[in-house]
Amino acid sequence: MSVLIIKTSSLGDVLHTLPAVTDAARLLPGIRFDWVVEEGFIEVPIWHAAVDTVIPVALRRWKHGFLHALRRGEPQATVKQLRKHRYDRIIDAQGLIKSAIISRFARGRRYGLDRSSAREPLAARAYNQVFPVPRAQHAVARVRQLFAAALEYAVPDTSPDYGIRERFAATPRQSCLVFLHGTTWPTKHWPDEYWVELAAMAAANGLQVKIPWGSA
């Protein structure tokens, strides 16, 4: 079975989709995935062994210069790549109008969240089949439920497995903590003094602290 995933951004949302890919790969032997994602996050999907092809889009960049992008043929090239294969399933795991539009360019039967579950209810009109997934849950749980419904298996009762442990397995020389401090949501901000305290605790236990930077 070939499946196209549409989950373009942001970084955390892309990561939250990986456990659903692991579920499907374990329960449906032979299933393979392609993935549509923002160009800035193209490395993340290919960390998972079940993902074959990553189709980059540049919606964020095109928003500030779409005519220029058209002249260079970028959107046209993306549409061509989307239509290169016919998929057994197209799963829009984002539930936005922009992701729903992308799904319409791809070839295959489209699955997504219903009006009450999608962040932008109008997106549900783009799908051939929709599913209710309660919103008052963690994003990882919601995506796992959507994949299970679209691919017709029971949601596993196991803890989420992102499927990337082997790629990033620590060695004895890599005793460190990565502080993922960046967020665009004010409700997710953590006070600076908490980070300082946590860093001091890490140092006291012989751990090196690493801090990423860039757009989330």
N, C-alpha and C. Protein backbone atom coordinates (compact mmCIF):
# COMPACT_ATOMS: atom_id res chain seq x y z
N MET A 1 0.85 -1.20 0.00
CA MET A 1 0.00 0.00 0.00
C MET A 1 0.88 1.24 0.00
N SER A 2 0.54 2.20 -0.83
CA SER A 2 1.27 3.46 -0.89
C SER A 2 0.38 4.58 -0.34
N VAL A 3 0.95 5.39 0.54
CA VAL A 3 0.20 6.43 1.22
C VAL A 3 0.96 7.75 1.12
N LEU A 4 0.23 8.80 0.81
CA LEU A 4 0.80 10.15 0.82
C LEU A 4 0.33 10.86 2.09
N ILE A 5 1.28 11.32 2.88
CA ILE A 5 0.98 12.10 4.08
C ILE A 5 1.11 13.58 3.75
N ILE A 6 0.14 14.36 4.17
CA ILE A 6 0.25 15.81 4.07
C ILE A 6 0.29 16.37 5.48
N LYS A 7 1.46 16.78 5.86
CA LYS A 7 1.69 17.44 7.16
C LYS A 7 2.88 18.36 6.93
N THR A 8 2.59 19.60 6.59
CA THR A 8 3.63 20.48 6.07
C THR A 8 4.42 21.19 7.16
N SER A 9 3.80 21.52 8.26
CA SER A 9 4.47 22.30 9.30
C SER A 9 3.59 22.24 10.57
N SER A 10 4.07 22.80 11.66
CA SER A 10 5.40 23.29 11.92
C SER A 10 6.25 22.13 12.42
N LEU A 11 7.45 22.42 12.90
CA LEU A 11 8.37 21.35 13.26
C LEU A 11 7.75 20.38 14.26
N GLY A 12 7.15 20.90 15.31
CA GLY A 12 6.56 20.02 16.31
C GLY A 12 5.45 19.16 15.74
N ASP A 13 4.62 19.73 14.87
CA ASP A 13 3.52 18.98 14.26
C ASP A 13 4.04 17.87 13.36
N VAL A 14 5.13 18.13 12.66
CA VAL A 14 5.73 17.11 11.80
C VAL A 14 6.25 15.96 12.67
N LEU A 15 6.94 16.29 13.74
CA LEU A 15 7.44 15.26 14.66
C LEU A 15 6.29 14.46 15.27
N HIS A 16 5.20 15.14 15.59
CA HIS A 16 4.06 14.46 16.22
C HIS A 16 3.41 13.43 15.30
N THR A 17 3.70 13.48 14.01
CA THR A 17 3.12 12.55 13.05
C THR A 17 3.89 11.24 12.99
N LEU A 18 5.14 11.24 13.40
CA LEU A 18 5.99 10.06 13.26
C LEU A 18 5.45 8.82 13.98
N PRO A 19 4.91 8.92 15.20
CA PRO A 19 4.39 7.70 15.84
C PRO A 19 3.28 7.02 15.05
N ALA A 20 2.46 7.79 14.36
CA ALA A 20 1.40 7.19 13.53
C ALA A 20 2.01 6.40 12.38
N VAL A 21 3.10 6.90 11.83
CA VAL A 21 3.80 6.18 10.76
C VAL A 21 4.34 4.86 11.29
N THR A 22 4.89 4.89 12.50
CA THR A 22 5.39 3.66 13.12
C THR A 22 4.27 2.65 13.33
N ASP A 23 3.13 3.11 13.84
CA ASP A 23 1.98 2.22 14.03
C ASP A 23 1.62 1.51 12.73
N ALA A 24 1.46 2.29 11.68
CA ALA A 24 1.03 1.73 10.40
C ALA A 24 2.06 0.75 9.85
N ALA A 25 3.34 1.10 9.97
CA ALA A 25 4.40 0.24 9.44
C ALA A 25 4.43 -1.11 10.17
N ARG A 26 4.12 -1.11 11.45
CA ARG A 26 4.12 -2.35 12.22
C ARG A 26 2.89 -3.21 11.93
N LEU A 27 1.77 -2.57 11.72
CA LEU A 27 0.51 -3.31 11.58
C LEU A 27 0.16 -3.65 10.14
N LEU A 28 0.76 -2.94 9.19
CA LEU A 28 0.48 -3.17 7.77
C LEU A 28 1.79 -3.41 7.03
N PRO A 29 2.31 -4.63 7.08
CA PRO A 29 3.59 -4.92 6.44
C PRO A 29 3.59 -4.52 4.96
N GLY A 30 4.65 -3.89 4.55
CA GLY A 30 4.78 -3.48 3.16
C GLY A 30 4.28 -2.09 2.86
N ILE A 31 3.61 -1.44 3.81
CA ILE A 31 3.12 -0.09 3.56
C ILE A 31 4.29 0.87 3.42
N ARG A 32 4.17 1.81 2.48
CA ARG A 32 5.22 2.80 2.26
C ARG A 32 4.58 4.18 2.19
N PHE A 33 5.34 5.17 2.60
CA PHE A 33 4.83 6.53 2.67
C PHE A 33 5.66 7.51 1.85
N ASP A 34 4.98 8.44 1.21
CA ASP A 34 5.58 9.68 0.74
C ASP A 34 5.00 10.78 1.63
N TRP A 35 5.69 11.93 1.68
CA TRP A 35 5.30 12.95 2.67
C TRP A 35 5.49 14.34 2.08
N VAL A 36 4.44 15.15 2.16
CA VAL A 36 4.51 16.55 1.74
C VAL A 36 4.81 17.40 2.97
N VAL A 37 5.89 18.19 2.90
CA VAL A 37 6.32 18.96 4.06
C VAL A 37 6.98 20.26 3.61
N GLU A 38 6.94 21.27 4.46
CA GLU A 38 7.61 22.53 4.16
C GLU A 38 9.10 22.28 3.93
N GLU A 39 9.67 23.05 3.01
CA GLU A 39 11.05 22.83 2.61
C GLU A 39 12.03 22.91 3.78
N GLY A 40 11.70 23.68 4.80
CA GLY A 40 12.60 23.81 5.94
C GLY A 40 12.64 22.60 6.85
N PHE A 41 11.70 21.67 6.66
CA PHE A 41 11.61 20.50 7.54
C PHE A 41 11.80 19.18 6.80
N ILE A 42 12.40 19.22 5.62
CA ILE A 42 12.47 18.02 4.78
C ILE A 42 13.29 16.90 5.40
N GLU A 43 14.19 17.22 6.32
CA GLU A 43 15.01 16.17 6.91
C GLU A 43 14.21 15.28 7.86
N VAL A 44 13.18 15.83 8.48
CA VAL A 44 12.49 15.09 9.55
C VAL A 44 11.79 13.83 9.03
N PRO A 45 10.96 13.89 7.99
CA PRO A 45 10.28 12.66 7.55
C PRO A 45 11.24 11.55 7.15
N ILE A 46 12.37 11.89 6.54
CA ILE A 46 13.27 10.83 6.06
C ILE A 46 14.03 10.16 7.20
N TRP A 47 13.90 10.68 8.41
CA TRP A 47 14.47 9.96 9.55
C TRP A 47 13.77 8.62 9.74
N HIS A 48 12.51 8.52 9.29
CA HIS A 48 11.73 7.30 9.51
C HIS A 48 11.93 6.33 8.35
N ALA A 49 12.20 5.08 8.68
CA ALA A 49 12.51 4.08 7.65
C ALA A 49 11.35 3.77 6.73
N ALA A 50 10.11 4.06 7.13
CA ALA A 50 8.95 3.75 6.30
C ALA A 50 8.64 4.84 5.28
N VAL A 51 9.37 5.93 5.32
CA VAL A 51 9.13 7.05 4.40
C VAL A 51 10.11 6.95 3.23
N ASP A 52 9.56 6.93 2.03
CA ASP A 52 10.39 6.82 0.83
C ASP A 52 10.77 8.17 0.24
N THR A 53 9.77 8.97 -0.07
CA THR A 53 9.99 10.22 -0.80
C THR A 53 9.39 11.39 -0.02
N VAL A 54 10.16 12.46 0.07
CA VAL A 54 9.67 13.69 0.68
C VAL A 54 9.44 14.71 -0.42
N ILE A 55 8.24 15.25 -0.47
CA ILE A 55 7.88 16.26 -1.47
C ILE A 55 7.87 17.62 -0.78
N PRO A 56 8.87 18.46 -1.05
CA PRO A 56 8.92 19.76 -0.37
C PRO A 56 7.97 20.78 -0.99
N VAL A 57 7.36 21.58 -0.14
CA VAL A 57 6.58 22.73 -0.59
C VAL A 57 7.15 23.96 0.11
N ALA A 58 6.89 25.11 -0.47
CA ALA A 58 7.44 26.36 0.08
C ALA A 58 6.33 27.37 0.31
N LEU A 59 5.25 26.93 0.94
CA LEU A 59 4.09 27.81 1.12
C LEU A 59 4.46 29.06 1.90
N ARG A 60 5.29 28.93 2.90
CA ARG A 60 5.69 30.09 3.69
C ARG A 60 6.45 31.11 2.85
N ARG A 61 7.35 30.61 2.03
CA ARG A 61 8.14 31.51 1.19
C ARG A 61 7.30 32.06 0.05
N TRP A 62 6.46 31.22 -0.55
CA TRP A 62 5.64 31.69 -1.66
C TRP A 62 4.65 32.76 -1.22
N LYS A 63 4.25 32.71 0.02
CA LYS A 63 3.29 33.70 0.52
C LYS A 63 3.82 35.12 0.37
N HIS A 64 5.13 35.26 0.37
CA HIS A 64 5.74 36.59 0.28
C HIS A 64 6.28 36.90 -1.11
N GLY A 65 6.01 36.04 -2.08
CA GLY A 65 6.47 36.30 -3.44
C GLY A 65 5.96 35.25 -4.40
N PHE A 66 4.63 35.07 -4.42
CA PHE A 66 4.06 33.98 -5.20
C PHE A 66 4.27 34.17 -6.71
N LEU A 67 4.12 35.40 -7.19
CA LEU A 67 4.30 35.64 -8.63
C LEU A 67 5.72 35.31 -9.06
N HIS A 68 6.68 35.67 -8.23
CA HIS A 68 8.07 35.35 -8.54
C HIS A 68 8.27 33.84 -8.57
N ALA A 69 7.66 33.14 -7.62
CA ALA A 69 7.76 31.68 -7.59
C ALA A 69 7.11 31.06 -8.82
N LEU A 70 5.99 31.63 -9.26
CA LEU A 70 5.33 31.14 -10.47
C LEU A 70 6.23 31.30 -11.69
N ARG A 71 6.88 32.44 -11.79
CA ARG A 71 7.76 32.68 -12.93
C ARG A 71 8.92 31.68 -12.95
N ARG A 72 9.34 31.27 -11.79
CA ARG A 72 10.43 30.29 -11.71
C ARG A 72 9.92 28.85 -11.83
N GLY A 73 8.60 28.69 -11.85
CA GLY A 73 8.02 27.36 -12.04
C GLY A 73 8.01 26.48 -10.81
N GLU A 74 8.17 27.07 -9.62
CA GLU A 74 8.24 26.25 -8.41
C GLU A 74 6.91 25.58 -8.07
N PRO A 75 5.79 26.31 -8.00
CA PRO A 75 4.53 25.63 -7.70
C PRO A 75 4.18 24.57 -8.74
N GLN A 76 4.47 24.88 -10.01
CA GLN A 76 4.16 23.92 -11.07
C GLN A 76 4.96 22.63 -10.89
N ALA A 77 6.22 22.76 -10.48
CA ALA A 77 7.05 21.58 -10.27
C ALA A 77 6.54 20.75 -9.10
N THR A 78 6.04 21.43 -8.07
CA THR A 78 5.49 20.71 -6.92
C THR A 78 4.24 19.93 -7.31
N VAL A 79 3.36 20.57 -8.08
CA VAL A 79 2.14 19.89 -8.53
C VAL A 79 2.50 18.68 -9.39
N LYS A 80 3.49 18.83 -10.24
CA LYS A 80 3.91 17.72 -11.09
C LYS A 80 4.39 16.54 -10.24
N GLN A 81 5.13 16.85 -9.19
CA GLN A 81 5.62 15.78 -8.31
C GLN A 81 4.47 15.14 -7.54
N LEU A 82 3.49 15.95 -7.13
CA LEU A 82 2.33 15.41 -6.42
C LEU A 82 1.54 14.45 -7.28
N ARG A 83 1.52 14.70 -8.57
CA ARG A 83 0.70 13.90 -9.48
C ARG A 83 1.49 12.77 -10.14
N LYS A 84 2.73 12.61 -9.73
CA LYS A 84 3.59 11.60 -10.36
C LYS A 84 3.07 10.19 -10.11
N HIS A 85 2.53 9.94 -8.94
CA HIS A 85 2.05 8.60 -8.58
C HIS A 85 0.59 8.65 -8.16
N ARG A 86 -0.09 7.54 -8.34
CA ARG A 86 -1.43 7.39 -7.77
C ARG A 86 -1.29 6.63 -6.45
N TYR A 87 -1.84 7.21 -5.39
CA TYR A 87 -1.70 6.63 -4.06
C TYR A 87 -2.95 5.85 -3.67
N ASP A 88 -2.75 4.82 -2.87
CA ASP A 88 -3.89 4.08 -2.33
C ASP A 88 -4.66 4.91 -1.30
N ARG A 89 -3.94 5.74 -0.58
CA ARG A 89 -4.53 6.64 0.40
C ARG A 89 -3.77 7.96 0.39
N ILE A 90 -4.50 9.05 0.56
CA ILE A 90 -3.91 10.36 0.81
C ILE A 90 -4.46 10.83 2.14
N ILE A 91 -3.60 11.01 3.12
CA ILE A 91 -4.04 11.40 4.46
C ILE A 91 -3.58 12.82 4.75
N ASP A 92 -4.55 13.72 4.89
CA ASP A 92 -4.25 15.08 5.31
C ASP A 92 -4.30 15.11 6.84
N ALA A 93 -3.14 15.10 7.45
CA ALA A 93 -3.06 15.06 8.91
C ALA A 93 -3.02 16.45 9.52
N GLN A 94 -3.24 17.47 8.68
CA GLN A 94 -3.14 18.84 9.17
C GLN A 94 -4.51 19.50 9.37
N GLY A 95 -5.43 19.25 8.47
CA GLY A 95 -6.78 19.78 8.64
C GLY A 95 -6.90 21.27 8.42
N LEU A 96 -6.08 21.80 7.52
CA LEU A 96 -6.14 23.21 7.16
C LEU A 96 -6.55 23.35 5.71
N ILE A 97 -7.04 24.52 5.34
CA ILE A 97 -7.44 24.74 3.95
C ILE A 97 -6.26 24.55 3.02
N LYS A 98 -5.08 25.05 3.41
CA LYS A 98 -3.91 24.93 2.54
C LYS A 98 -3.51 23.47 2.34
N SER A 99 -3.59 22.66 3.38
CA SER A 99 -3.24 21.25 3.23
C SER A 99 -4.31 20.51 2.44
N ALA A 100 -5.56 20.91 2.60
CA ALA A 100 -6.65 20.30 1.83
C ALA A 100 -6.49 20.58 0.35
N ILE A 101 -6.07 21.79 0.01
CA ILE A 101 -5.83 22.14 -1.39
C ILE A 101 -4.71 21.27 -1.96
N ILE A 102 -3.65 21.09 -1.19
CA ILE A 102 -2.56 20.23 -1.64
C ILE A 102 -3.08 18.82 -1.91
N SER A 103 -3.95 18.33 -1.05
CA SER A 103 -4.49 16.98 -1.23
C SER A 103 -5.25 16.84 -2.54
N ARG A 104 -5.89 17.91 -2.97
CA ARG A 104 -6.67 17.86 -4.21
C ARG A 104 -5.79 17.75 -5.44
N PHE A 105 -4.56 18.20 -5.35
CA PHE A 105 -3.64 18.09 -6.48
C PHE A 105 -3.09 16.67 -6.63
N ALA A 106 -3.03 15.92 -5.53
CA ALA A 106 -2.49 14.57 -5.58
C ALA A 106 -3.54 13.61 -6.14
N ARG A 107 -3.08 12.45 -6.60
CA ARG A 107 -3.98 11.46 -7.19
C ARG A 107 -4.21 10.32 -6.20
N GLY A 108 -5.45 10.11 -5.85
CA GLY A 108 -5.80 9.05 -4.92
C GLY A 108 -6.98 9.46 -4.06
N ARG A 109 -7.47 8.53 -3.28
CA ARG A 109 -8.61 8.80 -2.41
C ARG A 109 -8.12 9.55 -1.17
N ARG A 110 -8.84 10.60 -0.81
CA ARG A 110 -8.40 11.53 0.24
C ARG A 110 -9.14 11.28 1.56
N TYR A 111 -8.36 11.29 2.64
CA TYR A 111 -8.89 11.06 3.98
C TYR A 111 -8.44 12.18 4.91
N GLY A 112 -9.34 12.57 5.83
CA GLY A 112 -8.97 13.64 6.75
C GLY A 112 -9.94 13.77 7.90
N LEU A 113 -9.77 14.83 8.66
CA LEU A 113 -10.62 15.10 9.82
C LEU A 113 -11.97 15.67 9.39
N ASP A 114 -13.00 15.36 10.16
CA ASP A 114 -14.31 15.93 9.84
C ASP A 114 -14.39 17.39 10.31
N ARG A 115 -15.50 18.03 10.03
CA ARG A 115 -15.65 19.46 10.30
C ARG A 115 -15.46 19.80 11.78
N SER A 116 -15.92 18.93 12.64
CA SER A 116 -15.82 19.22 14.07
C SER A 116 -14.42 18.98 14.62
N SER A 117 -13.60 18.28 13.85
CA SER A 117 -12.26 17.91 14.34
C SER A 117 -11.15 18.74 13.72
N ALA A 118 -11.36 19.23 12.50
CA ALA A 118 -10.32 20.00 11.80
C ALA A 118 -10.21 21.41 12.37
N ARG A 119 -9.01 21.93 12.38
CA ARG A 119 -8.83 23.30 12.88
C ARG A 119 -9.53 24.30 11.98
N GLU A 120 -9.56 24.01 10.67
CA GLU A 120 -10.30 24.84 9.71
C GLU A 120 -11.38 23.95 9.09
N PRO A 121 -12.61 24.02 9.59
CA PRO A 121 -13.67 23.09 9.19
C PRO A 121 -13.89 22.97 7.69
N LEU A 122 -13.68 24.05 6.95
CA LEU A 122 -13.90 24.02 5.51
C LEU A 122 -13.00 23.00 4.82
N ALA A 123 -11.87 22.69 5.43
CA ALA A 123 -10.94 21.72 4.83
C ALA A 123 -11.60 20.37 4.62
N ALA A 124 -12.54 20.01 5.47
CA ALA A 124 -13.18 18.69 5.39
C ALA A 124 -13.90 18.46 4.07
N ARG A 125 -14.27 19.52 3.39
CA ARG A 125 -14.98 19.38 2.12
C ARG A 125 -14.09 18.81 1.02
N ALA A 126 -12.78 18.81 1.23
CA ALA A 126 -11.86 18.35 0.20
C ALA A 126 -11.67 16.84 0.21
N TYR A 127 -12.13 16.16 1.25
CA TYR A 127 -11.80 14.75 1.42
C TYR A 127 -12.94 13.84 0.95
N ASN A 128 -12.56 12.64 0.52
CA ASN A 128 -13.54 11.64 0.15
C ASN A 128 -14.16 10.98 1.38
N GLN A 129 -13.39 10.90 2.45
CA GLN A 129 -13.89 10.30 3.68
C GLN A 129 -13.30 11.04 4.87
N VAL A 130 -14.15 11.33 5.85
CA VAL A 130 -13.70 12.09 7.02
C VAL A 130 -13.98 11.30 8.29
N PHE A 131 -13.23 11.66 9.34
CA PHE A 131 -13.34 10.94 10.60
C PHE A 131 -13.37 11.92 11.77
N PRO A 132 -14.17 11.63 12.78
CA PRO A 132 -14.16 12.46 14.00
C PRO A 132 -12.99 12.05 14.89
N VAL A 133 -12.20 13.01 15.27
CA VAL A 133 -11.09 12.78 16.21
C VAL A 133 -11.16 13.89 17.26
N PRO A 134 -11.57 13.57 18.48
CA PRO A 134 -11.75 14.60 19.50
C PRO A 134 -10.54 15.51 19.63
N ARG A 135 -10.80 16.79 19.75
CA ARG A 135 -9.72 17.78 19.76
C ARG A 135 -9.04 17.91 21.11
N ALA A 136 -9.71 17.51 22.18
CA ALA A 136 -9.15 17.68 23.53
C ALA A 136 -8.17 16.55 23.87
N GLN A 137 -7.21 16.35 22.99
CA GLN A 137 -6.20 15.31 23.17
C GLN A 137 -4.85 15.86 22.71
N HIS A 138 -3.79 15.15 23.08
CA HIS A 138 -2.47 15.52 22.58
C HIS A 138 -2.43 15.26 21.07
N ALA A 139 -1.64 16.06 20.37
CA ALA A 139 -1.55 15.94 18.92
C ALA A 139 -1.10 14.56 18.48
N VAL A 140 -0.19 13.95 19.22
CA VAL A 140 0.29 12.61 18.85
C VAL A 140 -0.87 11.61 18.85
N ALA A 141 -1.69 11.66 19.88
CA ALA A 141 -2.84 10.74 19.97
C ALA A 141 -3.82 10.99 18.84
N ARG A 142 -4.05 12.24 18.50
CA ARG A 142 -5.01 12.56 17.44
C ARG A 142 -4.55 12.02 16.09
N VAL A 143 -3.27 12.20 15.78
CA VAL A 143 -2.78 11.72 14.49
C VAL A 143 -2.78 10.20 14.45
N ARG A 144 -2.44 9.56 15.54
CA ARG A 144 -2.49 8.09 15.58
C ARG A 144 -3.91 7.60 15.32
N GLN A 145 -4.90 8.28 15.88
CA GLN A 145 -6.29 7.89 15.67
C GLN A 145 -6.72 8.12 14.22
N LEU A 146 -6.29 9.22 13.64
CA LEU A 146 -6.65 9.50 12.25
C LEU A 146 -6.06 8.45 11.31
N PHE A 147 -4.80 8.11 11.50
CA PHE A 147 -4.17 7.09 10.65
C PHE A 147 -4.87 5.75 10.82
N ALA A 148 -5.19 5.39 12.06
CA ALA A 148 -5.86 4.11 12.30
C ALA A 148 -7.20 4.05 11.59
N ALA A 149 -7.94 5.15 11.62
CA ALA A 149 -9.24 5.18 10.95
C ALA A 149 -9.09 5.11 9.44
N ALA A 150 -8.15 5.87 8.90
CA ALA A 150 -7.97 5.92 7.45
C ALA A 150 -7.40 4.62 6.89
N LEU A 151 -6.57 3.95 7.67
CA LEU A 151 -5.90 2.74 7.19
C LEU A 151 -6.53 1.46 7.75
N GLU A 152 -7.60 1.64 8.54
CA GLU A 152 -8.44 0.53 8.98
C GLU A 152 -7.72 -0.47 9.89
N TYR A 153 -7.18 0.03 10.98
CA TYR A 153 -6.67 -0.84 12.02
C TYR A 153 -7.01 -0.21 13.37
N ALA A 154 -6.94 -1.00 14.42
CA ALA A 154 -7.23 -0.50 15.76
C ALA A 154 -6.06 0.31 16.28
N VAL A 155 -6.36 1.40 16.97
CA VAL A 155 -5.30 2.23 17.53
C VAL A 155 -4.52 1.42 18.56
N PRO A 156 -3.21 1.29 18.40
CA PRO A 156 -2.42 0.54 19.39
C PRO A 156 -2.48 1.20 20.76
N ASP A 157 -2.43 0.38 21.80
CA ASP A 157 -2.43 0.93 23.16
C ASP A 157 -1.01 1.08 23.71
N THR A 158 -0.04 1.04 22.81
CA THR A 158 1.37 1.18 23.19
C THR A 158 1.74 2.66 23.28
N SER A 159 2.86 2.93 23.94
CA SER A 159 3.37 4.29 23.99
C SER A 159 3.83 4.72 22.60
N PRO A 160 3.78 6.01 22.29
CA PRO A 160 4.21 6.48 20.97
C PRO A 160 5.66 6.12 20.68
N ASP A 161 5.90 5.60 19.49
CA ASP A 161 7.26 5.28 19.04
C ASP A 161 7.53 6.11 17.80
N TYR A 162 8.48 7.01 17.88
CA TYR A 162 8.76 7.92 16.77
C TYR A 162 9.56 7.25 15.65
N GLY A 163 10.06 6.06 15.90
CA GLY A 163 10.74 5.31 14.86
C GLY A 163 12.09 5.85 14.45
N ILE A 164 12.70 6.65 15.30
CA ILE A 164 13.98 7.27 14.93
C ILE A 164 15.05 6.99 15.98
N ARG A 165 14.78 6.06 16.89
CA ARG A 165 15.72 5.80 17.98
C ARG A 165 17.08 5.34 17.46
N GLU A 166 17.06 4.44 16.48
CA GLU A 166 18.32 3.91 15.97
C GLU A 166 19.17 5.00 15.31
N ARG A 167 18.51 5.92 14.63
CA ARG A 167 19.24 6.98 13.94
C ARG A 167 19.94 7.91 14.93
N PHE A 168 19.32 8.11 16.09
CA PHE A 168 19.87 9.05 17.04
C PHE A 168 20.29 8.38 18.35
N ALA A 169 20.58 7.09 18.27
CA ALA A 169 20.98 6.37 19.47
C ALA A 169 22.23 6.99 20.08
N ALA A 170 22.17 7.23 21.37
CA ALA A 170 23.31 7.85 22.04
C ALA A 170 24.44 6.84 22.24
N THR A 171 25.65 7.31 22.19
CA THR A 171 26.82 6.50 22.52
C THR A 171 27.30 6.94 23.89
N PRO A 172 28.17 6.15 24.51
CA PRO A 172 28.66 6.54 25.84
C PRO A 172 29.29 7.93 25.87
N ARG A 173 29.77 8.42 24.72
CA ARG A 173 30.41 9.73 24.70
C ARG A 173 29.41 10.86 24.50
N GLN A 174 28.16 10.55 24.27
CA GLN A 174 27.16 11.57 23.97
C GLN A 174 26.19 11.75 25.14
N SER A 175 26.71 12.17 26.25
CA SER A 175 25.86 12.43 27.42
C SER A 175 25.42 13.88 27.38
N CYS A 176 24.25 14.12 26.84
CA CYS A 176 23.81 15.50 26.68
C CYS A 176 22.29 15.59 26.76
N LEU A 177 21.82 16.80 26.95
CA LEU A 177 20.40 17.12 26.90
C LEU A 177 20.20 18.20 25.85
N VAL A 178 19.16 18.05 25.03
CA VAL A 178 18.81 19.08 24.05
C VAL A 178 17.60 19.83 24.57
N PHE A 179 17.74 21.14 24.73
CA PHE A 179 16.64 21.97 25.20
C PHE A 179 15.87 22.52 24.00
N LEU A 180 14.69 22.01 23.75
CA LEU A 180 13.85 22.50 22.66
C LEU A 180 13.00 23.65 23.19
N HIS A 181 13.58 24.82 23.17
CA HIS A 181 12.99 25.99 23.84
C HIS A 181 12.10 26.82 22.93
N GLY A 182 12.19 26.64 21.62
CA GLY A 182 11.48 27.51 20.69
C GLY A 182 10.01 27.15 20.54
N THR A 183 9.16 28.15 20.52
CA THR A 183 7.73 27.94 20.27
C THR A 183 7.11 29.24 19.81
N THR A 184 6.04 29.13 19.04
CA THR A 184 5.33 30.33 18.58
C THR A 184 4.10 30.61 19.42
N TRP A 185 3.74 29.68 20.31
CA TRP A 185 2.53 29.84 21.12
C TRP A 185 2.89 30.39 22.49
N PRO A 186 2.35 31.53 22.89
CA PRO A 186 2.65 32.11 24.21
C PRO A 186 2.37 31.15 25.37
N THR A 187 1.35 30.31 25.22
CA THR A 187 1.00 29.39 26.30
C THR A 187 2.04 28.29 26.50
N LYS A 188 2.95 28.15 25.54
CA LYS A 188 3.99 27.13 25.65
C LYS A 188 5.32 27.69 26.15
N HIS A 189 5.38 29.01 26.35
CA HIS A 189 6.63 29.61 26.83
C HIS A 189 6.93 29.16 28.25
N TRP A 190 8.20 28.88 28.50
CA TRP A 190 8.65 28.48 29.83
C TRP A 190 9.56 29.57 30.36
N PRO A 191 9.40 30.01 31.60
CA PRO A 191 10.21 31.11 32.13
C PRO A 191 11.71 30.83 32.02
N ASP A 192 12.48 31.88 31.71
CA ASP A 192 13.93 31.73 31.54
C ASP A 192 14.58 31.13 32.78
N GLU A 193 14.11 31.53 33.97
CA GLU A 193 14.75 31.04 35.19
C GLU A 193 14.59 29.53 35.35
N TYR A 194 13.52 28.97 34.75
CA TYR A 194 13.35 27.52 34.81
C TYR A 194 14.39 26.81 33.94
N TRP A 195 14.64 27.39 32.76
CA TRP A 195 15.67 26.83 31.88
C TRP A 195 17.04 26.88 32.56
N VAL A 196 17.32 28.01 33.22
CA VAL A 196 18.61 28.16 33.91
C VAL A 196 18.74 27.12 35.01
N GLU A 197 17.67 26.93 35.77
CA GLU A 197 17.71 25.94 36.84
C GLU A 197 17.89 24.53 36.29
N LEU A 198 17.20 24.22 35.19
CA LEU A 198 17.32 22.90 34.58
C LEU A 198 18.73 22.68 34.05
N ALA A 199 19.32 23.72 33.44
CA ALA A 199 20.69 23.61 32.94
C ALA A 199 21.68 23.36 34.07
N ALA A 200 21.46 24.03 35.20
CA ALA A 200 22.34 23.81 36.35
C ALA A 200 22.23 22.38 36.86
N MET A 201 21.01 21.84 36.87
CA MET A 201 20.82 20.45 37.30
C MET A 201 21.52 19.49 36.34
N ALA A 202 21.42 19.78 35.04
CA ALA A 202 22.08 18.93 34.04
C ALA A 202 23.59 18.95 34.24
N ALA A 203 24.15 20.15 34.41
CA ALA A 203 25.59 20.27 34.60
C ALA A 203 26.05 19.53 35.85
N ALA A 204 25.24 19.62 36.91
CA ALA A 204 25.59 18.95 38.16
C ALA A 204 25.62 17.44 38.01
N ASN A 205 24.90 16.93 37.01
CA ASN A 205 24.86 15.49 36.75
C ASN A 205 25.75 15.09 35.59
N GLY A 206 26.64 15.99 35.19
CA GLY A 206 27.62 15.66 34.16
C GLY A 206 27.08 15.64 32.75
N LEU A 207 25.96 16.31 32.51
CA LEU A 207 25.36 16.34 31.17
C LEU A 207 25.65 17.67 30.48
N GLN A 208 25.94 17.58 29.20
CA GLN A 208 26.14 18.77 28.39
C GLN A 208 24.79 19.23 27.85
N VAL A 209 24.56 20.53 27.83
CA VAL A 209 23.30 21.08 27.32
C VAL A 209 23.52 21.62 25.91
N LYS A 210 22.65 21.21 24.99
CA LYS A 210 22.69 21.70 23.62
C LYS A 210 21.40 22.45 23.33
N ILE A 211 21.52 23.60 22.66
CA ILE A 211 20.36 24.44 22.37
C ILE A 211 20.28 24.66 20.86
N PRO A 212 19.21 24.21 20.21
CA PRO A 212 19.05 24.45 18.76
C PRO A 212 18.62 25.88 18.50
N TRP A 213 18.76 26.29 17.26
CA TRP A 213 18.29 27.62 16.88
C TRP A 213 17.73 27.55 15.47
N GLY A 214 16.91 28.50 15.13
CA GLY A 214 16.30 28.55 13.81
C GLY A 214 14.80 28.71 13.92
N SER A 215 14.12 28.71 12.78
CA SER A 215 12.68 28.90 12.75
C SER A 215 11.98 27.60 13.09
N ALA A 216 10.98 27.68 13.96
CA ALA A 216 10.18 26.50 14.30
C ALA A 216 8.92 26.47 13.48
